[in-house]
Structures are given as structure tokens and as C-alpha cells.
Amino acid sequence: MNTNAPEAGWSSHGVYLALDTSTRVGSVCVAVGTAVQACAILDKPAAHASDLVPTIREVLDRAGVEVSEVTGIVVGSGPGSFTGVRVAAATAKGLCCALEIPLWAVSSLEAGAASLAGEGATLGVVGGATLGEFATAELSSEEMARPRYVLFDARSDRVYAACYVARDGGLDELIPPHATTIGEVLAADLPLCNFVGDGAHAHSDQIVGAGFPVLPAPAGTPSAEGLVTLVGRPPARAPVEDVARWEPDYLRPSSAERLAASKR
């Protein structure tokens, strides 16, 4: 049993490990409360499975933290790449069960919404800007206040989507995470939104043609520091009730599951 683990909920003095590999750019960080001590980017999507554990070790070493000192884990719960979501989920669950510490699961789409306006992490360079730090000088306060429609690419015309609005220092969910198509997203009666995420970039011509702005990366990219920020800011979020039974939010069956279902 990890004797350093807090007995109830999030602690400003707790040592937390956060990780997300739901999209092409993954990330890991170690924080005390919400104060990040060390962080790293995983920028090779095909290597997320092999790189995640060594990156966790590296970040813990740079933070001067032993794995036995970690008091909780925050994971991006998807949706996104099936392999990427599984990798982060399995790693987080394994560590929580081994260390007997709590797990917080946060939608990767929500973490993508938090990456706008420097609310995520400053981890490295993605698309010419630091991950989680969007250059807001070019946006007016009115533009910054627009809802954030986060789209993750799910291939072809498919996307994972959710919409959030910044309010009272946090994010309110306007449209919950769901699997859909870009046509269905744009056919809805939407307010003027800032579209972000790799799914927005993949379909930028259609989105801009429909009259909506698409903000460049890293806006919409989920980050480990963004996960810590979301869980650590009030109101307090409850950890997962049963870590062993918890499953991430895939939102739709994998290609293998769809193929198996078609043969029944």
C-alpha cells in the first residue's frame, strides 16, 4: 500500500502522474498538486506503446520522484486512436492497481478544449507552437469566449466530437463526447464556435466553408498538464470508483470488432 496516498480526493500536496496518448501527440507529466515538476512529449504515434513506460520513468527521474511516491494518476480516457487510448488506459490501470492509488479519468476531448489559451501544458513544439500554449494575442476577448468545438480525426469523414465553453475558470460541456461525421457536426444549429483539434484540421475546408474558424495546433491537442489542471481546479472531481473494472471511452467499436460483428 502506498502510505503517501491521500485518503480522500485530490490534494494540493499530492504527487500525480498524468498521461495521454489518445492522439498523434502524447504527453506525460509529474505534478505536485497542479504544479508541474517535469513533462515530456511522445511525438511518434506508432511508438506510443513502446515509448510510454520509458518516458514515464524519464519524467519521474527528472522530477526527482520515485514511483512509490506517486499518490494518484490522471489519464486521458479517450476517445481517439484505439491503440493509443488502450496504451494509456492499461498503463494507468496497471500502475494504480500495483501502487493501490486512485485514478482520475478525463475526456481527452475536454483536455483538448483546455489547451486553448495556455490552459494546457508548455511541453514542446507542435505545429510551430508549444503544446497547450496557444498564441492568443491575435484573438479578441470576444473570440476567446466562443465555445470550443473539439474534433479528433477518426478517418474518412468520421470524427470524435465535443463542445465546451470556458466559464468561471473551468469548462462547461455544451455537447458531450460522441462519435459522428463532419457532415452531421456542421448540419447542426451551432453558435459561432472555434473549431480545434486534428479532426478540425482534416476537414478545415468544410468547416471554414460553413463559416467557422479553425484554430491552428496546438489548440485542441490534449496534454498531460491539461489533465492535471482540469482535475485539480475546483470543484473537486471524484476518482474512478473501481479501477480494475474501469474502461476508457472508445465511443465506437474497433475495426476488428466491427469486422467480427459483420460476420455473425
Protein backbone atom coordinates (compact mmCIF):
# COMPACT_ATOMS: atom_id res chain seq x y z
CA MET A 1 0.00 0.00 0.00
CA ASN A 2 1.27 3.47 -0.89
CA THR A 3 1.34 5.13 2.53
CA ASN A 4 1.80 8.53 0.88
CA ALA A 5 -1.56 8.31 -0.90
CA PRO A 6 -4.21 10.79 0.26
CA GLU A 7 -7.17 9.16 1.97
CA ALA A 8 -9.78 11.11 0.05
CA GLY A 9 -9.79 13.03 -3.19
CA TRP A 10 -7.32 15.38 -4.80
CA SER A 11 -4.67 17.03 -2.64
CA SER A 12 -2.66 20.15 -3.36
CA HIS A 13 0.29 18.30 -1.81
CA GLY A 14 -0.24 15.03 -3.67
CA VAL A 15 2.22 13.76 -6.26
CA TYR A 16 0.41 12.99 -9.52
CA LEU A 17 1.39 11.31 -12.75
CA ALA A 18 -0.66 12.30 -15.82
CA LEU A 19 -0.60 10.74 -19.27
CA ASP A 20 -2.48 10.89 -22.56
CA THR A 21 -1.77 9.04 -25.82
CA SER A 22 -5.18 9.36 -27.45
CA THR A 23 -3.95 11.41 -30.43
CA ARG A 24 -0.80 11.62 -32.55
CA VAL A 25 0.96 13.74 -29.92
CA GLY A 26 1.07 12.09 -26.50
CA SER A 27 2.39 13.55 -23.27
CA VAL A 28 3.38 12.69 -19.70
CA CYS A 29 3.87 14.92 -16.68
CA VAL A 30 4.52 14.74 -12.96
CA ALA A 31 2.91 17.37 -10.74
CA VAL A 32 2.61 18.27 -7.10
CA GLY A 33 -1.00 19.34 -6.93
CA THR A 34 -1.29 21.23 -10.21
CA ALA A 35 2.33 22.47 -10.19
CA VAL A 36 4.12 20.56 -12.94
CA GLN A 37 7.58 19.34 -11.99
CA ALA A 38 8.60 17.63 -15.24
CA CYS A 39 6.97 16.72 -18.52
CA ALA A 40 7.65 15.17 -21.92
CA ILE A 41 6.04 14.73 -25.34
CA LEU A 42 5.62 11.50 -27.27
CA ASP A 43 5.67 12.63 -30.89
CA LYS A 44 5.89 9.25 -32.69
CA PRO A 45 2.33 7.84 -32.83
CA ALA A 46 3.43 4.38 -33.95
CA ALA A 47 5.77 4.16 -30.96
CA HIS A 48 3.37 5.24 -28.19
CA ALA A 49 3.11 1.65 -26.93
CA SER A 50 6.87 1.17 -26.69
CA ASP A 51 7.77 4.71 -25.61
CA LEU A 52 5.21 5.40 -22.89
CA VAL A 53 6.72 3.46 -19.98
CA PRO A 54 10.32 4.63 -20.65
CA THR A 55 9.00 8.20 -20.90
CA ILE A 56 7.22 7.83 -17.56
CA ARG A 57 10.49 6.65 -15.99
CA GLU A 58 12.34 9.59 -17.55
CA VAL A 59 9.81 12.17 -16.33
CA LEU A 60 9.78 10.70 -12.80
CA ASP A 61 13.59 10.82 -12.75
CA ARG A 62 13.66 14.44 -13.89
CA ALA A 63 11.10 15.35 -11.25
CA GLY A 64 13.16 13.56 -8.59
CA VAL A 65 10.20 11.33 -7.75
CA GLU A 66 10.20 7.60 -7.03
CA VAL A 67 7.24 5.71 -8.47
CA SER A 68 6.34 4.66 -4.92
CA GLU A 69 5.82 8.37 -4.07
CA VAL A 70 3.09 8.85 -6.67
CA THR A 71 -0.24 9.33 -4.91
CA GLY A 72 -2.58 9.34 -7.91
CA ILE A 73 -2.75 9.06 -11.68
CA VAL A 74 -4.71 11.11 -14.20
CA VAL A 75 -5.32 9.59 -17.63
CA GLY A 76 -6.86 10.83 -20.84
CA SER A 77 -9.80 8.45 -21.20
CA GLY A 78 -10.25 8.90 -24.94
CA PRO A 79 -11.74 8.88 -27.44
CA GLY A 80 -9.07 8.82 -30.11
CA SER A 81 -6.72 6.26 -31.57
CA PHE A 82 -7.88 2.84 -30.33
CA THR A 83 -4.29 1.72 -29.77
CA GLY A 84 -3.29 4.98 -28.13
CA VAL A 85 -6.28 5.05 -25.80
CA ARG A 86 -5.67 1.41 -24.81
CA VAL A 87 -1.97 2.02 -24.15
CA ALA A 88 -2.56 4.91 -21.74
CA ALA A 89 -5.52 3.21 -20.06
CA ALA A 90 -3.74 -0.11 -19.50
CA THR A 91 -0.62 1.60 -18.19
CA ALA A 92 -2.60 3.84 -15.82
CA LYS A 93 -4.72 0.95 -14.54
CA GLY A 94 -1.68 -1.26 -14.01
CA LEU A 95 0.16 1.38 -12.02
CA CYS A 96 -2.90 2.26 -9.91
CA CYS A 97 -3.58 -1.38 -9.07
CA ALA A 98 0.09 -2.10 -8.27
CA LEU A 99 0.51 1.02 -6.11
CA GLU A 100 -3.06 0.99 -4.71
CA ILE A 101 -3.62 4.63 -5.59
CA PRO A 102 -6.63 6.44 -7.12
CA LEU A 103 -7.20 7.01 -10.81
CA TRP A 104 -8.84 10.08 -12.35
CA ALA A 105 -10.13 9.69 -15.90
CA VAL A 106 -10.78 12.80 -18.00
CA SER A 107 -12.11 13.01 -21.55
CA SER A 108 -9.27 13.64 -23.96
CA LEU A 109 -11.64 15.93 -25.87
CA GLU A 110 -12.09 18.06 -22.76
CA ALA A 111 -8.31 18.17 -22.34
CA GLY A 112 -8.11 19.33 -25.95
CA ALA A 113 -10.54 22.15 -25.17
CA ALA A 114 -8.37 23.13 -22.19
CA SER A 115 -5.31 23.52 -24.40
CA LEU A 116 -6.58 26.83 -25.74
CA ALA A 117 -5.19 29.99 -24.13
CA GLY A 118 -2.34 28.35 -22.27
CA GLU A 119 -4.62 26.22 -20.09
CA GLY A 120 -2.77 23.07 -21.07
CA ALA A 121 0.92 22.30 -20.93
CA THR A 122 4.02 24.02 -22.27
CA LEU A 123 5.72 20.77 -23.19
CA GLY A 124 7.34 21.22 -26.55
CA VAL A 125 6.81 22.41 -30.08
CA VAL A 126 3.87 21.14 -32.13
CA GLY A 127 2.87 22.83 -35.35
CA GLY A 128 5.09 25.82 -34.59
CA ALA A 129 3.71 26.48 -31.10
CA THR A 130 4.22 24.98 -27.68
CA LEU A 131 1.82 22.19 -26.82
CA GLY A 132 -1.03 23.55 -24.76
CA GLU A 133 0.03 27.17 -25.23
CA PHE A 134 -1.90 28.94 -27.97
CA ALA A 135 -0.84 32.42 -29.04
CA THR A 136 -3.93 34.40 -28.01
CA ALA A 137 -2.61 37.85 -28.90
CA GLU A 138 -4.30 37.60 -32.31
CA LEU A 139 -7.70 36.78 -30.77
CA SER A 140 -10.00 39.31 -29.16
CA SER A 141 -11.65 38.61 -25.81
CA GLU A 142 -14.90 38.04 -27.71
CA GLU A 143 -13.22 35.46 -29.94
CA MET A 144 -11.63 33.77 -26.95
CA ALA A 145 -15.04 33.48 -25.26
CA ARG A 146 -16.51 31.44 -28.11
CA PRO A 147 -17.36 27.79 -27.49
CA ARG A 148 -14.56 25.37 -28.33
CA TYR A 149 -15.66 22.56 -30.63
CA VAL A 150 -13.01 19.86 -30.39
CA LEU A 151 -12.75 17.31 -33.19
CA PHE A 152 -10.42 14.30 -33.26
CA ASP A 153 -9.88 12.64 -36.63
CA ALA A 154 -11.43 9.17 -36.86
CA ARG A 155 -10.60 8.68 -40.57
CA SER A 156 -12.64 9.35 -43.69
CA ASP A 157 -15.49 11.73 -42.77
CA ARG A 158 -15.70 10.42 -39.18
CA VAL A 159 -14.73 12.43 -36.10
CA TYR A 160 -14.93 12.26 -32.34
CA ALA A 161 -16.51 15.49 -31.18
CA ALA A 162 -17.43 17.52 -28.12
CA CYS A 163 -18.07 21.20 -27.44
CA TYR A 164 -17.13 23.21 -24.35
CA VAL A 165 -17.31 26.80 -23.20
CA ALA A 166 -14.96 28.47 -20.71
CA ARG A 167 -16.83 29.67 -17.63
CA ASP A 168 -15.78 30.60 -14.08
CA GLY A 169 -12.23 29.37 -14.58
CA GLY A 170 -13.36 25.97 -15.87
CA LEU A 171 -15.07 24.33 -18.83
CA ASP A 172 -18.79 23.68 -19.19
CA GLU A 173 -19.82 20.86 -21.52
CA LEU A 174 -22.23 22.07 -24.21
CA ILE A 175 -22.18 18.93 -26.40
CA PRO A 176 -20.94 15.69 -24.79
CA PRO A 177 -18.30 13.48 -26.41
CA HIS A 178 -19.72 11.44 -29.27
CA ALA A 179 -18.73 9.68 -32.48
CA THR A 180 -20.16 11.32 -35.57
CA THR A 181 -19.32 12.65 -39.03
CA ILE A 182 -18.18 16.09 -40.06
CA GLY A 183 -21.38 16.47 -42.08
CA GLU A 184 -23.54 15.83 -39.02
CA VAL A 185 -21.49 18.27 -36.95
CA LEU A 186 -21.95 21.07 -39.47
CA ALA A 187 -25.63 20.25 -40.12
CA ALA A 188 -26.50 21.06 -36.50
CA ASP A 189 -27.70 24.50 -35.42
CA LEU A 190 -24.46 25.76 -33.87
CA PRO A 191 -23.42 29.05 -32.33
CA LEU A 192 -20.22 30.60 -33.66
CA CYS A 193 -17.51 28.22 -32.37
CA ASN A 194 -13.76 27.95 -32.54
CA PHE A 195 -13.05 24.53 -34.09
CA VAL A 196 -9.87 22.88 -32.83
CA GLY A 197 -8.12 19.51 -32.95
CA ASP A 198 -6.69 17.28 -35.66
CA GLY A 199 -10.20 16.41 -36.87
CA ALA A 200 -10.88 20.10 -37.44
CA HIS A 201 -7.65 20.40 -39.41
CA ALA A 202 -8.52 17.33 -41.50
CA HIS A 203 -11.84 18.92 -42.50
CA SER A 204 -10.87 22.58 -42.37
CA ASP A 205 -12.14 23.37 -45.89
CA GLN A 206 -15.66 22.23 -44.98
CA ILE A 207 -15.61 23.94 -41.59
CA VAL A 208 -14.32 27.27 -42.92
CA GLY A 209 -16.74 27.00 -45.83
CA ALA A 210 -19.56 26.71 -43.29
CA GLY A 211 -18.45 29.97 -41.68
CA PHE A 212 -16.49 28.73 -38.67
CA PRO A 213 -12.85 29.47 -37.77
CA VAL A 214 -10.36 26.62 -37.36
CA LEU A 215 -7.57 27.45 -34.91
CA PRO A 216 -4.10 26.03 -35.56
CA ALA A 217 -2.29 23.47 -33.43
CA PRO A 218 -1.60 23.11 -30.60
CA ALA A 219 -5.11 24.37 -29.77
CA GLY A 220 -7.21 21.22 -29.42
CA THR A 221 -4.28 18.95 -28.58
CA PRO A 222 -4.83 17.16 -25.25
CA SER A 223 -1.93 17.37 -22.83
CA ALA A 224 -0.93 15.73 -19.56
CA GLU A 225 -0.67 19.11 -17.85
CA GLY A 226 -4.14 19.98 -19.12
CA LEU A 227 -5.46 16.82 -17.45
CA VAL A 228 -3.85 17.81 -14.14
CA THR A 229 -5.28 21.32 -14.41
CA LEU A 230 -8.78 20.04 -15.10
CA VAL A 231 -8.79 17.62 -12.18
CA GLY A 232 -7.05 19.96 -9.76
CA ARG A 233 -9.25 23.03 -10.23
CA PRO A 234 -12.46 23.27 -8.16
CA PRO A 235 -14.97 21.77 -7.94
CA ALA A 236 -13.18 18.59 -6.98
CA ARG A 237 -13.61 15.60 -9.28
CA ALA A 238 -14.10 12.14 -7.88
CA PRO A 239 -11.65 9.43 -8.86
CA VAL A 240 -12.72 6.24 -10.63
CA GLU A 241 -14.74 4.05 -8.25
CA ASP A 242 -13.38 0.68 -9.40
CA VAL A 243 -10.05 0.92 -11.19
CA ALA A 244 -9.95 -2.76 -12.17
CA ARG A 245 -13.34 -2.53 -13.93
CA TRP A 246 -12.86 0.90 -15.47
CA GLU A 247 -12.67 1.10 -19.26
CA PRO A 248 -11.78 4.11 -21.42
CA ASP A 249 -14.23 5.94 -23.67
CA TYR A 250 -13.76 4.43 -27.13
CA LEU A 251 -17.23 5.69 -28.22
CA ARG A 252 -17.39 3.21 -31.10
CA PRO A 253 -16.26 -0.38 -31.75
CA SER A 254 -12.79 -1.00 -33.10
CA SER A 255 -12.35 -2.08 -36.74
CA ALA A 256 -11.72 -5.65 -35.53
CA GLU A 257 -14.93 -5.62 -33.51
CA ARG A 258 -16.90 -4.20 -36.46
CA LEU A 259 -15.47 -6.89 -38.75
CA ALA A 260 -16.36 -9.64 -36.28
CA ALA A 261 -19.88 -8.29 -35.90
CA SER A 262 -20.38 -8.22 -39.69
CA LYS A 263 -19.55 -11.95 -39.89
CA ARG A 264 -22.14 -13.01 -37.31
